[in-house]
Amino acid sequence: MANTKSALKRLRSAERRRLRNRMHKGRARTAVKKARLLIEAGKLEEAREAVRAAVSALDRAAEKGVIHKNNAARRKSRLMQRLNQLERAA
């Protein structure tokens, strides 16, 4: 356990940041999963909207520094590849 006042304050602020980061990361993960499931189900219109939401959530997480910008870019790229495959098949 921390001894100094400043270290105790850092613990409190780190906990607040952790919870905030977790929220952004969780939203992004949920959006990506939803989009992926809709793509796999072959629901084109719903998948397009879900991918748009997932891209937005990933961008927001990257902007906040929760995930690295290249990590967000890679995940968006993979999601778009799957969506494009579905569109070509339809």
Protein backbone atom coordinates (compact mmCIF):
# COMPACT_ATOMS: atom_id res chain seq x y z
CA MET A 1 0.00 0.00 0.00
CA ALA A 2 1.13 3.54 -0.75
CA ASN A 3 2.63 5.61 2.02
CA THR A 4 2.58 9.19 0.81
CA LYS A 5 -0.40 11.43 0.14
CA SER A 6 0.62 11.87 -3.48
CA ALA A 7 0.91 8.11 -3.99
CA LEU A 8 -2.56 7.61 -2.51
CA LYS A 9 -3.92 10.25 -4.86
CA ARG A 10 -2.22 8.51 -7.81
CA LEU A 11 -3.93 5.26 -6.80
CA ARG A 12 -7.31 6.97 -6.80
CA SER A 13 -6.79 8.68 -10.14
CA ALA A 14 -5.35 5.52 -11.70
CA GLU A 15 -8.47 3.62 -10.65
CA ARG A 16 -10.70 6.28 -12.25
CA ARG A 17 -8.68 6.10 -15.47
CA ARG A 18 -8.76 2.29 -15.43
CA LEU A 19 -12.55 2.26 -15.23
CA ARG A 20 -12.87 4.88 -17.97
CA ASN A 21 -10.44 2.97 -20.21
CA ARG A 22 -12.31 -0.26 -19.56
CA MET A 23 -15.56 1.37 -20.66
CA HIS A 24 -14.11 2.54 -23.98
CA LYS A 25 -12.34 -0.76 -24.62
CA GLY A 26 -15.50 -2.73 -23.79
CA ARG A 27 -17.66 -0.62 -26.10
CA ALA A 28 -15.21 -1.10 -28.95
CA ARG A 29 -14.97 -4.84 -28.36
CA THR A 30 -18.77 -5.20 -28.22
CA ALA A 31 -19.25 -3.18 -31.40
CA VAL A 32 -16.66 -5.23 -33.29
CA LYS A 33 -18.18 -8.50 -32.12
CA LYS A 34 -21.68 -7.39 -33.11
CA ALA A 35 -20.47 -6.35 -36.56
CA ARG A 36 -18.57 -9.61 -37.05
CA LEU A 37 -21.59 -11.70 -36.08
CA LEU A 38 -23.86 -9.79 -38.47
CA ILE A 39 -21.33 -10.23 -41.28
CA GLU A 40 -21.13 -13.97 -40.60
CA ALA A 41 -24.94 -14.15 -40.55
CA GLY A 42 -24.98 -12.50 -44.00
CA LYS A 43 -27.18 -9.55 -43.01
CA LEU A 44 -25.66 -6.94 -45.31
CA GLU A 45 -27.51 -3.74 -44.38
CA GLU A 46 -27.35 -4.36 -40.65
CA ALA A 47 -23.69 -5.35 -40.98
CA ARG A 48 -22.86 -2.08 -42.76
CA GLU A 49 -24.39 -0.07 -39.92
CA ALA A 50 -22.69 -2.21 -37.28
CA VAL A 51 -19.31 -1.83 -39.00
CA ARG A 52 -19.80 1.94 -39.07
CA ALA A 53 -20.50 1.89 -35.33
CA ALA A 54 -17.51 -0.38 -34.67
CA VAL A 55 -15.16 1.88 -36.63
CA SER A 56 -16.41 4.84 -34.63
CA ALA A 57 -15.90 3.02 -31.33
CA LEU A 58 -12.39 1.93 -32.31
CA ASP A 59 -11.48 5.45 -33.39
CA ARG A 60 -12.77 6.82 -30.12
CA ALA A 61 -10.79 4.27 -28.08
CA ALA A 62 -7.63 5.08 -30.06
CA GLU A 63 -8.18 8.81 -29.65
CA LYS A 64 -8.47 8.38 -25.89
CA GLY A 65 -5.27 6.34 -25.84
CA VAL A 66 -7.01 3.20 -24.62
CA ILE A 67 -5.73 1.23 -27.60
CA HIS A 68 -2.90 2.10 -29.97
CA LYS A 69 -3.89 3.83 -33.21
CA ASN A 70 -2.30 1.06 -35.28
CA ASN A 71 -4.26 -1.53 -33.30
CA ALA A 72 -7.48 0.33 -34.14
CA ALA A 73 -6.45 0.63 -37.80
CA ARG A 74 -5.68 -3.10 -38.02
CA ARG A 75 -9.01 -4.08 -36.50
CA LYS A 76 -10.93 -1.68 -38.77
CA SER A 77 -9.08 -3.06 -41.79
CA ARG A 78 -9.93 -6.65 -40.93
CA LEU A 79 -13.57 -5.74 -40.32
CA MET A 80 -13.79 -3.91 -43.65
CA GLN A 81 -12.23 -6.89 -45.44
CA ARG A 82 -14.93 -9.17 -44.08
CA LEU A 83 -17.65 -6.69 -45.00
CA ASN A 84 -16.27 -6.34 -48.53
CA GLN A 85 -16.21 -10.12 -48.94
CA LEU A 86 -19.87 -10.25 -47.91
CA GLU A 87 -20.76 -7.46 -50.35
CA ARG A 88 -18.97 -9.23 -53.21
CA ALA A 89 -20.77 -12.48 -52.39
CA ALA A 90 -24.19 -10.80 -52.26
